C-alpha atoms as a PDB file:
ATOM      1  CA  MET A   1      35.744  25.704 -89.587  1.00  0.00           C
ATOM      2  CA  PRO A   2      33.115  26.556 -91.866  1.00  0.00           C
ATOM      3  CA  ALA A   3      33.598  24.342 -95.867  1.00  0.00           C
ATOM      4  CA  SER A   4      33.129  27.675 -96.855  1.00  0.00           C
ATOM      5  CA  ILE A   5      31.984  31.759 -96.648  1.00  0.00           C
ATOM      6  CA  LEU A   6      28.445  30.904 -97.396  1.00  0.00           C
ATOM      7  CA  GLU A   7      27.884  28.336 -94.581  1.00  0.00           C
ATOM      8  CA  GLU A   8      29.858  31.487 -92.131  1.00  0.00           C
ATOM      9  CA  VAL A   9      26.810  33.653 -93.089  1.00  0.00           C
ATOM     10  CA  GLY A  10      24.169  31.404 -93.303  1.00  0.00           C
ATOM     11  CA  HIS A  11      25.356  30.565 -89.386  1.00  0.00           C
ATOM     12  CA  LEU A  12      25.565  34.141 -88.807  1.00  0.00           C
ATOM     13  CA  LEU A  13      21.923  34.971 -90.275  1.00  0.00           C
ATOM     14  CA  GLY A  14      20.236  32.114 -88.098  1.00  0.00           C
ATOM     15  CA  ALA A  15      21.767  33.074 -85.427  1.00  0.00           C
ATOM     16  CA  ALA A  16      20.909  36.870 -85.619  1.00  0.00           C
ATOM     17  CA  LEU A  17      17.314  35.763 -86.879  1.00  0.00           C
ATOM     18  CA  THR A  18      16.696  33.557 -83.456  1.00  0.00           C
ATOM     19  CA  GLN A  19      18.246  36.776 -81.480  1.00  0.00           C
ATOM     20  CA  ASP A  20      15.888  39.178 -82.234  1.00  0.00           C
ATOM     21  CA  THR A  21      12.982  37.268 -81.555  1.00  0.00           C
ATOM     22  CA  THR A  22      13.969  36.883 -78.124  1.00  0.00           C
ATOM     23  CA  THR A  23      14.320  39.884 -77.773  1.00  0.00           C
ATOM     24  CA  ARG A  24      11.769  41.704 -78.357  1.00  0.00           C
ATOM     25  CA  LEU A  25      10.121  43.479 -76.171  1.00  0.00           C
ATOM     26  CA  SER A  26       6.345  44.863 -75.754  1.00  0.00           C
ATOM     27  CA  CYS A  27       4.886  47.912 -73.395  1.00  0.00           C
ATOM     28  CA  PRO A  28       3.663  47.003 -70.387  1.00  0.00           C
ATOM     29  CA  SER A  29       0.797  49.126 -71.084  1.00  0.00           C
ATOM     30  CA  CYS A  30      -0.522  48.314 -74.274  1.00  0.00           C
ATOM     31  CA  GLY A  31       0.782  45.353 -75.504  1.00  0.00           C
ATOM     32  CA  SER A  32       2.806  46.902 -78.529  1.00  0.00           C
ATOM     33  CA  ALA A  33       6.333  46.159 -79.554  1.00  0.00           C
ATOM     34  CA  HIS A  34       6.860  48.972 -81.487  1.00  0.00           C
ATOM     35  CA  VAL A  35       9.434  50.123 -78.192  1.00  0.00           C
ATOM     36  CA  ALA A  36      12.083  52.714 -78.505  1.00  0.00           C
ATOM     37  CA  GLN A  37      15.493  52.034 -76.200  1.00  0.00           C
ATOM     38  CA  VAL A  38      16.833  55.752 -75.783  1.00  0.00           C
ATOM     39  CA  LEU A  39      19.104  56.409 -72.523  1.00  0.00           C
ATOM     40  CA  GLY A  40      17.558  57.660 -70.054  1.00  0.00           C
ATOM     41  CA  ASP A  41      18.573  61.042 -67.411  1.00  0.00           C
ATOM     42  CA  ASN A  42      20.837  59.380 -65.444  1.00  0.00           C
ATOM     43  CA  GLY A  43      22.870  57.756 -68.421  1.00  0.00           C
ATOM     44  CA  GLY A  44      20.619  54.467 -67.332  1.00  0.00           C
ATOM     45  CA  ILE A  45      18.710  52.707 -70.580  1.00  0.00           C
ATOM     46  CA  SER A  46      14.896  53.492 -70.843  1.00  0.00           C
ATOM     47  CA  TYR A  47      11.783  52.355 -73.683  1.00  0.00           C
ATOM     48  CA  VAL A  48       9.018  54.097 -75.111  1.00  0.00           C
ATOM     49  CA  CYS A  49       6.738  52.765 -77.140  1.00  0.00           C
ATOM     50  CA  THR A  50       6.284  54.763 -79.947  1.00  0.00           C
ATOM     51  CA  ALA A  51       2.431  53.587 -80.575  1.00  0.00           C
ATOM     52  CA  CYS A  52       1.198  54.992 -77.458  1.00  0.00           C
ATOM     53  CA  GLY A  53       3.352  57.141 -76.040  1.00  0.00           C
ATOM     54  CA  HIS A  54       4.185  55.118 -72.555  1.00  0.00           C
ATOM     55  CA  SER A  55       8.119  55.298 -71.131  1.00  0.00           C
ATOM     56  CA  TRP A  56       9.702  52.551 -68.661  1.00  0.00           C
ATOM     57  CA  SER A  57      13.140  51.235 -67.812  1.00  0.00           C
END
């Protein structure tokens, strides 16, 4: 158990930063990292590049 709340917050922030960089998507069309996750027509998850408009699932 952490000795202080600051230790716990530091641990959580470190994990969040690590996860954020490992889960980044890039557009298969233009390579941009400006990708939005959207709900697809049948409830599935799709992605849209906000730079070039390309969409994929």
